[in-house]
Amino acid sequence: MFNKANQSPTIEALKNLKNEAYQQTRELGIKFESVLLDTYRRIGMYGDEVEGVRIGGAMDEGYDALINRVLLEYAPQAKHIFVGKRKDKHRFSQDEINELIVKYAAEKGHVVRLKGGDPFIFGRGSEEINYARKHGLETEVVSGITSSIAVPANVGIPLTQRGTSESFWVITGTTSQKTLSNDVQLAAQSTATVVILMGMGKLKEIVEIFSAFGKQDVPVGIIQNGTTINENSGFGTIKTIEKIVSEKNLGAPAIIVIGEVVKEANALQTVFQNVKSLPKQKEFVNIGAA
């Protein structure tokens, strides 16, 4: 969120909204998605200068290719600028996006750049903030939940598990030079869970690297369009995953998860389905963290 100095009380307003959202999630029957929608609706009401929404990374009146388009309906008075990026299809370069933020902040006084996931995990959020600050704009960040954690969790994959995985890597599958990150070589030699974003175009190379280190039988899960109605996934091993991807016609955007914890997906999915089928309770049981 970017503002000209001394504009609307965005920072304080957002803090209040965040607190309200936390309270709402404690009330029976309130879905977290509903809280987010309501929160962003009220953010949008602070002015018709809201520039857009990005859940994943961009602006159409200011929004990303990966956002839930329903969010745009909660800011009908905003000018929406699509700046989403898909493989080899960029409507605006990152430099142009930075310039749009400054341009509309100067003209309208208020720009919202809503990203999917965490804007600081391969989301170029820091680049946009630094550019805005360099041009004298005040900035505020509303933290997000990175897809590298949320999407595996949604299909029942815990990235860490006692006795199985003590740590995890989150790696970009495509660097700014359009190559696979060298860190994949290092990660393949560890016992950690490995999460690779933007890596579907490099899947063959990823398989070759893990195979070279004797990891042919390590479980792999690939989740495309995670947490959306178009979600599709495939599970196998390093040895079989390319065939599974072909059979299930999986493609980008997708998250690749490699490690023994992938085996937990089916077990936890069964638990999730059982919980969803239970009647709603009138009270929460609060279980503290261990």
C-alpha atoms as a PDB file:
ATOM      1  CA  MET A   1       0.000   0.000   0.000  1.00  0.00           C
ATOM      2  CA  PHE A   2       1.516   3.311  -1.088  1.00  0.00           C
ATOM      3  CA  ASN A   3       0.459   6.836  -0.086  1.00  0.00           C
ATOM      4  CA  LYS A   4       1.483  10.402  -0.620  1.00  0.00           C
ATOM      5  CA  ALA A   5       2.520  11.900   2.705  1.00  0.00           C
ATOM      6  CA  ASN A   6      -0.307  13.085   4.987  1.00  0.00           C
ATOM      7  CA  GLN A   7      -3.016  11.235   3.077  1.00  0.00           C
ATOM      8  CA  SER A   8      -5.660   8.910   4.581  1.00  0.00           C
ATOM      9  CA  PRO A   9      -4.789   7.181   7.903  1.00  0.00           C
ATOM     10  CA  THR A  10      -3.906   3.925   6.157  1.00  0.00           C
ATOM     11  CA  ILE A  11      -1.425   2.472   8.657  1.00  0.00           C
ATOM     12  CA  GLU A  12      -3.668   2.849  11.708  1.00  0.00           C
ATOM     13  CA  ALA A  13      -6.711   1.717   9.757  1.00  0.00           C
ATOM     14  CA  LEU A  14      -4.976  -1.451   8.592  1.00  0.00           C
ATOM     15  CA  LYS A  15      -3.803  -2.277  12.109  1.00  0.00           C
ATOM     16  CA  ASN A  16      -7.380  -1.999  13.336  1.00  0.00           C
ATOM     17  CA  LEU A  17      -8.647  -4.156  10.495  1.00  0.00           C
ATOM     18  CA  LYS A  18      -6.030  -6.812  11.186  1.00  0.00           C
ATOM     19  CA  ASN A  19      -7.068  -6.962  14.841  1.00  0.00           C
ATOM     20  CA  GLU A  20     -10.712  -7.263  13.842  1.00  0.00           C
ATOM     21  CA  ALA A  21      -9.861 -10.110  11.463  1.00  0.00           C
ATOM     22  CA  TYR A  22      -8.126 -12.046  14.209  1.00  0.00           C
ATOM     23  CA  GLN A  23     -11.176 -11.634  16.427  1.00  0.00           C
ATOM     24  CA  GLN A  24     -13.556 -12.738  13.689  1.00  0.00           C
ATOM     25  CA  THR A  25     -11.637 -15.969  13.071  1.00  0.00           C
ATOM     26  CA  ARG A  26     -12.399 -16.955  16.669  1.00  0.00           C
ATOM     27  CA  GLU A  27     -16.140 -16.760  16.091  1.00  0.00           C
ATOM     28  CA  LEU A  28     -18.012 -19.900  15.097  1.00  0.00           C
ATOM     29  CA  GLY A  29     -18.591 -20.494  11.405  1.00  0.00           C
ATOM     30  CA  ILE A  30     -16.475 -17.609  10.104  1.00  0.00           C
ATOM     31  CA  LYS A  31     -14.214 -18.787   7.325  1.00  0.00           C
ATOM     32  CA  PHE A  32     -10.802 -17.173   7.054  1.00  0.00           C
ATOM     33  CA  GLU A  33     -11.437 -16.440   3.362  1.00  0.00           C
ATOM     34  CA  SER A  34     -14.544 -14.477   4.355  1.00  0.00           C
ATOM     35  CA  VAL A  35     -12.559 -12.430   6.828  1.00  0.00           C
ATOM     36  CA  LEU A  36     -10.009 -11.563   4.164  1.00  0.00           C
ATOM     37  CA  LEU A  37     -12.687 -10.519   1.691  1.00  0.00           C
ATOM     38  CA  ASP A  38     -14.410  -8.334   4.250  1.00  0.00           C
ATOM     39  CA  THR A  39     -11.114  -6.791   5.308  1.00  0.00           C
ATOM     40  CA  TYR A  40     -10.110  -5.928   1.761  1.00  0.00           C
ATOM     41  CA  ARG A  41     -13.587  -4.578   1.024  1.00  0.00           C
ATOM     42  CA  ARG A  42     -13.234  -2.070   3.841  1.00  0.00           C
ATOM     43  CA  ILE A  43      -9.690  -1.180   2.848  1.00  0.00           C
ATOM     44  CA  GLY A  44     -11.050  -0.355  -0.585  1.00  0.00           C
ATOM     45  CA  MET A  45     -13.598   2.022   0.937  1.00  0.00           C
ATOM     46  CA  TYR A  46     -10.872   4.408   2.073  1.00  0.00           C
ATOM     47  CA  GLY A  47     -10.789   6.005  -1.324  1.00  0.00           C
ATOM     48  CA  ASP A  48     -11.452   5.545  -5.002  1.00  0.00           C
ATOM     49  CA  GLU A  49      -7.708   5.592  -5.487  1.00  0.00           C
ATOM     50  CA  VAL A  50      -7.331   1.866  -4.736  1.00  0.00           C
ATOM     51  CA  GLU A  51      -5.256   0.661  -7.655  1.00  0.00           C
ATOM     52  CA  GLY A  52      -5.738  -3.046  -7.524  1.00  0.00           C
ATOM     53  CA  VAL A  53      -5.240  -6.427  -6.066  1.00  0.00           C
ATOM     54  CA  ARG A  54      -2.446  -8.913  -6.352  1.00  0.00           C
ATOM     55  CA  ILE A  55      -2.447 -12.310  -4.682  1.00  0.00           C
ATOM     56  CA  GLY A  56       0.671 -13.851  -6.101  1.00  0.00           C
ATOM     57  CA  GLY A  57       2.202 -10.836  -7.758  1.00  0.00           C
ATOM     58  CA  ALA A  58       0.729  -8.017 -10.014  1.00  0.00           C
ATOM     59  CA  MET A  59      -1.691  -4.997 -11.049  1.00  0.00           C
ATOM     60  CA  ASP A  60      -5.116  -5.006 -13.647  1.00  0.00           C
ATOM     61  CA  GLU A  61      -6.139  -1.695 -12.237  1.00  0.00           C
ATOM     62  CA  GLY A  62      -3.266  -2.918  -9.936  1.00  0.00           C
ATOM     63  CA  TYR A  63      -3.747  -6.716  -9.598  1.00  0.00           C
ATOM     64  CA  ASP A  64      -1.903 -10.007 -10.149  1.00  0.00           C
ATOM     65  CA  ALA A  65      -2.540 -12.979 -12.405  1.00  0.00           C
ATOM     66  CA  LEU A  66      -2.972 -15.241  -9.388  1.00  0.00           C
ATOM     67  CA  ILE A  67      -5.562 -13.292  -7.441  1.00  0.00           C
ATOM     68  CA  ASN A  68      -9.078 -14.431  -6.685  1.00  0.00           C
ATOM     69  CA  ARG A  69     -11.026 -12.083  -8.977  1.00  0.00           C
ATOM     70  CA  VAL A  70     -13.880 -11.966  -6.457  1.00  0.00           C
ATOM     71  CA  LEU A  71     -11.719  -9.542  -4.476  1.00  0.00           C
ATOM     72  CA  LEU A  72     -12.038  -6.947  -7.229  1.00  0.00           C
ATOM     73  CA  GLU A  73     -15.784  -6.814  -6.674  1.00  0.00           C
ATOM     74  CA  TYR A  74     -15.164  -5.407  -3.195  1.00  0.00           C
ATOM     75  CA  ALA A  75     -13.510  -2.297  -4.616  1.00  0.00           C
ATOM     76  CA  PRO A  76     -15.812  -1.403  -7.541  1.00  0.00           C
ATOM     77  CA  GLN A  77     -14.824   2.269  -7.339  1.00  0.00           C
ATOM     78  CA  ALA A  78     -11.143   1.463  -7.836  1.00  0.00           C
ATOM     79  CA  LYS A  79      -9.290   1.661 -11.096  1.00  0.00           C
ATOM     80  CA  HIS A  80      -8.021  -1.866 -11.740  1.00  0.00           C
ATOM     81  CA  ILE A  81      -4.795  -2.312 -13.709  1.00  0.00           C
ATOM     82  CA  PHE A  82      -3.761  -5.865 -14.577  1.00  0.00           C
ATOM     83  CA  VAL A  83      -0.012  -6.330 -14.304  1.00  0.00           C
ATOM     84  CA  GLY A  84       0.023 -10.103 -13.926  1.00  0.00           C
ATOM     85  CA  LYS A  85       2.895 -12.205 -15.165  1.00  0.00           C
ATOM     86  CA  ARG A  86       2.712 -15.686 -16.602  1.00  0.00           C
ATOM     87  CA  LYS A  87       5.469 -17.570 -18.360  1.00  0.00           C
ATOM     88  CA  ASP A  88       6.709 -15.470 -21.295  1.00  0.00           C
ATOM     89  CA  LYS A  89       3.599 -13.274 -21.021  1.00  0.00           C
ATOM     90  CA  HIS A  90       4.264 -10.007 -19.214  1.00  0.00           C
ATOM     91  CA  ARG A  91       1.861  -7.156 -19.823  1.00  0.00           C
ATOM     92  CA  PHE A  92       4.193  -4.849 -17.912  1.00  0.00           C
ATOM     93  CA  SER A  93       7.839  -5.239 -16.956  1.00  0.00           C
ATOM     94  CA  GLN A  94       8.765  -4.874 -13.294  1.00  0.00           C
ATOM     95  CA  ASP A  95      10.228  -1.433 -14.006  1.00  0.00           C
ATOM     96  CA  GLU A  96       6.924  -0.383 -15.573  1.00  0.00           C
ATOM     97  CA  ILE A  97       4.972  -1.712 -12.579  1.00  0.00           C
ATOM     98  CA  ASN A  98       7.180   0.330 -10.249  1.00  0.00           C
ATOM     99  CA  GLU A  99       6.521   3.425 -12.345  1.00  0.00           C
ATOM    100  CA  LEU A 100       2.758   2.804 -12.331  1.00  0.00           C
ATOM    101  CA  ILE A 101       2.751   2.671  -8.530  1.00  0.00           C
ATOM    102  CA  VAL A 102       4.446   6.067  -8.301  1.00  0.00           C
ATOM    103  CA  LYS A 103       2.352   7.556 -11.125  1.00  0.00           C
ATOM    104  CA  TYR A 104      -1.012   6.664  -9.600  1.00  0.00           C
ATOM    105  CA  ALA A 105       0.067   7.527  -6.078  1.00  0.00           C
ATOM    106  CA  ALA A 106       0.898  11.013  -7.341  1.00  0.00           C
ATOM    107  CA  GLU A 107      -2.372  11.309  -9.266  1.00  0.00           C
ATOM    108  CA  LYS A 108      -4.781   9.635  -6.840  1.00  0.00           C
ATOM    109  CA  GLY A 109      -2.970   9.735  -3.499  1.00  0.00           C
ATOM    110  CA  HIS A 110      -3.418   6.025  -2.676  1.00  0.00           C
ATOM    111  CA  VAL A 111      -2.363   2.778  -4.335  1.00  0.00           C
ATOM    112  CA  VAL A 112      -3.020  -0.757  -3.088  1.00  0.00           C
ATOM    113  CA  ARG A 113      -0.787  -3.499  -4.466  1.00  0.00           C
ATOM    114  CA  LEU A 114      -2.423  -6.718  -3.311  1.00  0.00           C
ATOM    115  CA  LYS A 115      -0.315  -9.812  -3.843  1.00  0.00           C
ATOM    116  CA  GLY A 116      -1.062 -13.488  -3.425  1.00  0.00           C
ATOM    117  CA  GLY A 117       0.912 -15.225  -0.736  1.00  0.00           C
ATOM    118  CA  ASP A 118       3.837 -13.429   0.841  1.00  0.00           C
ATOM    119  CA  PRO A 119       5.075 -10.472  -1.252  1.00  0.00           C
ATOM    120  CA  PHE A 120       8.579 -10.988   0.126  1.00  0.00           C
ATOM    121  CA  ILE A 121       8.889 -14.628  -0.997  1.00  0.00           C
ATOM    122  CA  PHE A 122       9.737 -14.342  -4.705  1.00  0.00           C
ATOM    123  CA  GLY A 123       7.099 -11.614  -4.922  1.00  0.00           C
ATOM    124  CA  ARG A 124       9.418  -8.631  -5.602  1.00  0.00           C
ATOM    125  CA  GLY A 125       7.649  -6.744  -2.853  1.00  0.00           C
ATOM    126  CA  SER A 126      10.852  -5.206  -1.515  1.00  0.00           C
ATOM    127  CA  GLU A 127      11.762  -3.891  -4.966  1.00  0.00           C
ATOM    128  CA  GLU A 128       8.435  -2.094  -5.272  1.00  0.00           C
ATOM    129  CA  ILE A 129       8.643  -0.677  -1.759  1.00  0.00           C
ATOM    130  CA  ASN A 130      12.190   0.574  -2.245  1.00  0.00           C
ATOM    131  CA  TYR A 131      11.214   2.252  -5.506  1.00  0.00           C
ATOM    132  CA  ALA A 132       8.184   3.892  -3.914  1.00  0.00           C
ATOM    133  CA  ARG A 133      10.172   5.133  -0.926  1.00  0.00           C
ATOM    134  CA  LYS A 134      12.861   6.490  -3.214  1.00  0.00           C
ATOM    135  CA  HIS A 135      10.128   8.658  -4.738  1.00  0.00           C
ATOM    136  CA  GLY A 136       8.921   9.936  -1.372  1.00  0.00           C
ATOM    137  CA  LEU A 137       5.923   7.651  -0.832  1.00  0.00           C
ATOM    138  CA  GLU A 138       4.858   6.269   2.527  1.00  0.00           C
ATOM    139  CA  THR A 139       4.394   2.501   2.505  1.00  0.00           C
ATOM    140  CA  GLU A 140       2.625  -0.102   4.629  1.00  0.00           C
ATOM    141  CA  VAL A 141       2.775  -3.898   4.352  1.00  0.00           C
ATOM    142  CA  VAL A 142      -0.077  -6.276   5.159  1.00  0.00           C
ATOM    143  CA  SER A 143       1.609  -9.628   5.711  1.00  0.00           C
ATOM    144  CA  GLY A 144       0.542 -12.610   3.625  1.00  0.00           C
ATOM    145  CA  ILE A 145       0.920 -16.382   3.917  1.00  0.00           C
ATOM    146  CA  THR A 146       3.377 -17.781   1.404  1.00  0.00           C
ATOM    147  CA  SER A 147       2.002 -20.314  -1.052  1.00  0.00           C
ATOM    148  CA  SER A 148       5.080 -22.463  -0.421  1.00  0.00           C
ATOM    149  CA  ILE A 149       3.572 -23.338   2.966  1.00  0.00           C
ATOM    150  CA  ALA A 150      -0.169 -22.793   2.472  1.00  0.00           C
ATOM    151  CA  VAL A 151      -0.593 -24.860  -0.692  1.00  0.00           C
ATOM    152  CA  PRO A 152       1.128 -28.025   0.625  1.00  0.00           C
ATOM    153  CA  ALA A 153      -0.826 -27.651   3.880  1.00  0.00           C
ATOM    154  CA  ASN A 154      -4.077 -27.457   1.929  1.00  0.00           C
ATOM    155  CA  VAL A 155      -3.492 -30.956   0.520  1.00  0.00           C
ATOM    156  CA  GLY A 156      -2.270 -32.317   3.838  1.00  0.00           C
ATOM    157  CA  ILE A 157       1.509 -32.058   3.412  1.00  0.00           C
ATOM    158  CA  PRO A 158       3.381 -30.861   6.534  1.00  0.00           C
ATOM    159  CA  LEU A 159       6.737 -29.434   5.504  1.00  0.00           C
ATOM    160  CA  THR A 160       8.276 -30.520   8.806  1.00  0.00           C
ATOM    161  CA  GLN A 161       7.519 -33.551  10.919  1.00  0.00           C
ATOM    162  CA  ARG A 162       9.258 -34.997  13.927  1.00  0.00           C
ATOM    163  CA  GLY A 163      11.388 -37.959  12.944  1.00  0.00           C
ATOM    164  CA  THR A 164      10.962 -37.268   9.228  1.00  0.00           C
ATOM    165  CA  SER A 165      11.941 -33.715   8.282  1.00  0.00           C
ATOM    166  CA  GLU A 166      13.797 -31.236  10.490  1.00  0.00           C
ATOM    167  CA  SER A 167      13.832 -28.370   7.993  1.00  0.00           C
ATOM    168  CA  PHE A 168      12.708 -27.241   4.563  1.00  0.00           C
ATOM    169  CA  TRP A 169      14.059 -25.316   1.599  1.00  0.00           C
ATOM    170  CA  VAL A 170      12.014 -22.910  -0.519  1.00  0.00           C
ATOM    171  CA  ILE A 171      13.737 -22.413  -3.860  1.00  0.00           C
ATOM    172  CA  THR A 172      12.893 -20.620  -7.086  1.00  0.00           C
ATOM    173  CA  GLY A 173      12.801 -22.920 -10.073  1.00  0.00           C
ATOM    174  CA  THR A 174      13.624 -20.085 -12.447  1.00  0.00           C
ATOM    175  CA  THR A 175      16.174 -17.390 -11.630  1.00  0.00           C
ATOM    176  CA  SER A 176      16.412 -13.956 -13.249  1.00  0.00           C
ATOM    177  CA  GLN A 177      18.772 -15.575 -15.763  1.00  0.00           C
ATOM    178  CA  LYS A 178      15.968 -18.070 -16.629  1.00  0.00           C
ATOM    179  CA  THR A 179      18.022 -20.959 -15.226  1.00  0.00           C
ATOM    180  CA  LEU A 180      17.362 -23.409 -12.407  1.00  0.00           C
ATOM    181  CA  SER A 181      18.730 -22.220  -9.075  1.00  0.00           C
ATOM    182  CA  ASN A 182      22.060 -23.797  -8.095  1.00  0.00           C
ATOM    183  CA  ASP A 183      20.580 -24.288  -4.631  1.00  0.00           C
ATOM    184  CA  VAL A 184      18.596 -27.249  -5.969  1.00  0.00           C
ATOM    185  CA  GLN A 185      21.884 -29.167  -6.173  1.00  0.00           C
ATOM    186  CA  LEU A 186      22.556 -28.430  -2.500  1.00  0.00           C
ATOM    187  CA  ALA A 187      19.002 -29.192  -1.399  1.00  0.00           C
ATOM    188  CA  ALA A 188      19.060 -32.553  -3.188  1.00  0.00           C
ATOM    189  CA  GLN A 189      21.921 -33.631  -0.938  1.00  0.00           C
ATOM    190  CA  SER A 190      20.033 -32.866   2.278  1.00  0.00           C
ATOM    191  CA  THR A 191      17.281 -34.698   4.161  1.00  0.00           C
ATOM    192  CA  ALA A 192      15.130 -31.555   4.207  1.00  0.00           C
ATOM    193  CA  THR A 193      11.787 -31.117   2.497  1.00  0.00           C
ATOM    194  CA  VAL A 194      12.314 -29.186  -0.739  1.00  0.00           C
ATOM    195  CA  VAL A 195       9.668 -26.803  -2.083  1.00  0.00           C
ATOM    196  CA  ILE A 196      10.271 -25.420  -5.561  1.00  0.00           C
ATOM    197  CA  LEU A 197       8.238 -22.517  -6.941  1.00  0.00           C
ATOM    198  CA  MET A 198       8.086 -21.669 -10.641  1.00  0.00           C
ATOM    199  CA  GLY A 199       9.825 -24.925 -11.471  1.00  0.00           C
ATOM    200  CA  MET A 200       7.504 -26.798 -13.838  1.00  0.00           C
ATOM    201  CA  GLY A 201       9.509 -25.748 -16.873  1.00  0.00           C
ATOM    202  CA  LYS A 202      12.600 -27.218 -15.229  1.00  0.00           C
ATOM    203  CA  LEU A 203      11.035 -30.453 -13.935  1.00  0.00           C
ATOM    204  CA  LYS A 204      13.182 -32.724 -16.103  1.00  0.00           C
ATOM    205  CA  GLU A 205      16.334 -31.014 -14.828  1.00  0.00           C
ATOM    206  CA  ILE A 206      15.118 -31.255 -11.220  1.00  0.00           C
ATOM    207  CA  VAL A 207      14.467 -34.996 -11.627  1.00  0.00           C
ATOM    208  CA  GLU A 208      17.944 -35.509 -13.096  1.00  0.00           C
ATOM    209  CA  ILE A 209      19.596 -33.714 -10.178  1.00  0.00           C
ATOM    210  CA  PHE A 210      17.774 -35.700  -7.483  1.00  0.00           C
ATOM    211  CA  SER A 211      18.346 -38.941  -9.377  1.00  0.00           C
ATOM    212  CA  ALA A 212      22.075 -38.226  -9.530  1.00  0.00           C
ATOM    213  CA  PHE A 213      22.109 -38.229  -5.725  1.00  0.00           C
ATOM    214  CA  GLY A 214      20.252 -41.547  -5.467  1.00  0.00           C
ATOM    215  CA  LYS A 215      16.878 -40.011  -4.630  1.00  0.00           C
ATOM    216  CA  GLN A 216      14.793 -41.815  -7.268  1.00  0.00           C
ATOM    217  CA  ASP A 217      12.351 -43.181  -4.689  1.00  0.00           C
ATOM    218  CA  VAL A 218      11.810 -39.953  -2.744  1.00  0.00           C
ATOM    219  CA  PRO A 219       8.116 -38.921  -2.777  1.00  0.00           C
ATOM    220  CA  VAL A 220       7.059 -35.913  -4.866  1.00  0.00           C
ATOM    221  CA  GLY A 221       3.832 -33.934  -4.887  1.00  0.00           C
ATOM    222  CA  ILE A 222       2.890 -31.311  -7.470  1.00  0.00           C
ATOM    223  CA  ILE A 223      -0.058 -29.000  -6.804  1.00  0.00           C
ATOM    224  CA  GLN A 224      -1.331 -26.809  -9.635  1.00  0.00           C
ATOM    225  CA  ASN A 225      -3.577 -23.795  -8.948  1.00  0.00           C
ATOM    226  CA  GLY A 226      -3.402 -24.574  -5.245  1.00  0.00           C
ATOM    227  CA  THR A 227      -6.367 -23.617  -2.989  1.00  0.00           C
ATOM    228  CA  THR A 228      -8.522 -22.613  -5.982  1.00  0.00           C
ATOM    229  CA  ILE A 229     -11.536 -24.326  -7.548  1.00  0.00           C
ATOM    230  CA  ASN A 230      -9.200 -25.334 -10.412  1.00  0.00           C
ATOM    231  CA  GLU A 231      -6.732 -27.112  -8.132  1.00  0.00           C
ATOM    232  CA  ASN A 232      -5.172 -30.236  -9.597  1.00  0.00           C
ATOM    233  CA  SER A 233      -2.442 -32.391  -8.115  1.00  0.00           C
ATOM    234  CA  GLY A 234      -0.319 -35.435  -8.758  1.00  0.00           C
ATOM    235  CA  PHE A 235       1.762 -37.599  -6.440  1.00  0.00           C
ATOM    236  CA  GLY A 236       4.575 -40.018  -7.136  1.00  0.00           C
ATOM    237  CA  THR A 237       8.336 -40.290  -6.755  1.00  0.00           C
ATOM    238  CA  ILE A 238      11.321 -38.721  -8.438  1.00  0.00           C
ATOM    239  CA  LYS A 239      11.325 -41.752 -10.741  1.00  0.00           C
ATOM    240  CA  THR A 240       7.636 -41.516 -11.726  1.00  0.00           C
ATOM    241  CA  ILE A 241       6.640 -37.860 -11.412  1.00  0.00           C
ATOM    242  CA  GLU A 242       7.264 -36.845 -15.026  1.00  0.00           C
ATOM    243  CA  LYS A 243       4.909 -39.586 -16.236  1.00  0.00           C
ATOM    244  CA  ILE A 244       2.282 -38.543 -13.682  1.00  0.00           C
ATOM    245  CA  VAL A 245       2.545 -34.894 -14.756  1.00  0.00           C
ATOM    246  CA  SER A 246       1.959 -35.959 -18.371  1.00  0.00           C
ATOM    247  CA  GLU A 247      -0.980 -38.221 -17.491  1.00  0.00           C
ATOM    248  CA  LYS A 248      -2.683 -35.580 -15.333  1.00  0.00           C
ATOM    249  CA  ASN A 249      -1.789 -32.727 -17.690  1.00  0.00           C
ATOM    250  CA  LEU A 250      -0.248 -30.705 -14.866  1.00  0.00           C
ATOM    251  CA  GLY A 251       1.364 -27.367 -15.632  1.00  0.00           C
ATOM    252  CA  ALA A 252       2.130 -23.919 -14.266  1.00  0.00           C
ATOM    253  CA  PRO A 253       1.387 -22.310 -11.909  1.00  0.00           C
ATOM    254  CA  ALA A 254       2.301 -25.171  -9.618  1.00  0.00           C
ATOM    255  CA  ILE A 255       4.310 -25.960  -6.511  1.00  0.00           C
ATOM    256  CA  ILE A 256       6.683 -28.923  -6.383  1.00  0.00           C
ATOM    257  CA  VAL A 257       7.182 -30.592  -2.990  1.00  0.00           C
ATOM    258  CA  ILE A 258       9.928 -33.202  -2.598  1.00  0.00           C
ATOM    259  CA  GLY A 259      10.479 -35.239   0.548  1.00  0.00           C
ATOM    260  CA  GLU A 260       9.198 -38.031   2.776  1.00  0.00           C
ATOM    261  CA  VAL A 261       6.506 -35.743   4.237  1.00  0.00           C
ATOM    262  CA  VAL A 262       4.613 -35.939   0.933  1.00  0.00           C
ATOM    263  CA  LYS A 263       3.428 -39.384   2.071  1.00  0.00           C
ATOM    264  CA  GLU A 264       1.311 -37.616   4.690  1.00  0.00           C
ATOM    265  CA  ALA A 265      -0.926 -35.991   2.077  1.00  0.00           C
ATOM    266  CA  ASN A 266      -3.425 -38.841   1.761  1.00  0.00           C
ATOM    267  CA  ALA A 267      -3.607 -39.489   5.501  1.00  0.00           C
ATOM    268  CA  LEU A 268      -4.258 -35.869   6.437  1.00  0.00           C
ATOM    269  CA  GLN A 269      -6.670 -35.317   3.556  1.00  0.00           C
ATOM    270  CA  THR A 270      -8.855 -38.060   5.017  1.00  0.00           C
ATOM    271  CA  VAL A 271      -8.775 -36.292   8.384  1.00  0.00           C
ATOM    272  CA  PHE A 272      -9.689 -32.953   6.761  1.00  0.00           C
ATOM    273  CA  GLN A 273     -12.676 -34.488   4.994  1.00  0.00           C
ATOM    274  CA  ASN A 274     -13.886 -36.107   8.214  1.00  0.00           C
ATOM    275  CA  VAL A 275     -13.656 -32.808  10.086  1.00  0.00           C
ATOM    276  CA  LYS A 276     -15.539 -30.952   7.358  1.00  0.00           C
ATOM    277  CA  SER A 277     -18.384 -33.447   7.595  1.00  0.00           C
ATOM    278  CA  LEU A 278     -18.880 -32.834  11.318  1.00  0.00           C
ATOM    279  CA  PRO A 279     -21.789 -30.593  12.444  1.00  0.00           C
ATOM    280  CA  LYS A 280     -20.766 -27.105  13.530  1.00  0.00           C
ATOM    281  CA  GLN A 281     -20.053 -26.745  17.231  1.00  0.00           C
ATOM    282  CA  LYS A 282     -21.219 -23.833  19.345  1.00  0.00           C
ATOM    283  CA  GLU A 283     -17.978 -23.468  21.234  1.00  0.00           C
ATOM    284  CA  PHE A 284     -14.270 -23.681  20.463  1.00  0.00           C
ATOM    285  CA  VAL A 285     -11.905 -25.797  22.492  1.00  0.00           C
ATOM    286  CA  ASN A 286      -8.722 -23.778  22.885  1.00  0.00           C
ATOM    287  CA  ILE A 287      -5.657 -26.034  22.868  1.00  0.00           C
ATOM    288  CA  GLY A 288      -2.441 -24.156  23.620  1.00  0.00           C
ATOM    289  CA  ALA A 289       0.807 -24.707  21.732  1.00  0.00           C
ATOM    290  CA  ALA A 290       3.195 -27.273  23.175  1.00  0.00           C
END
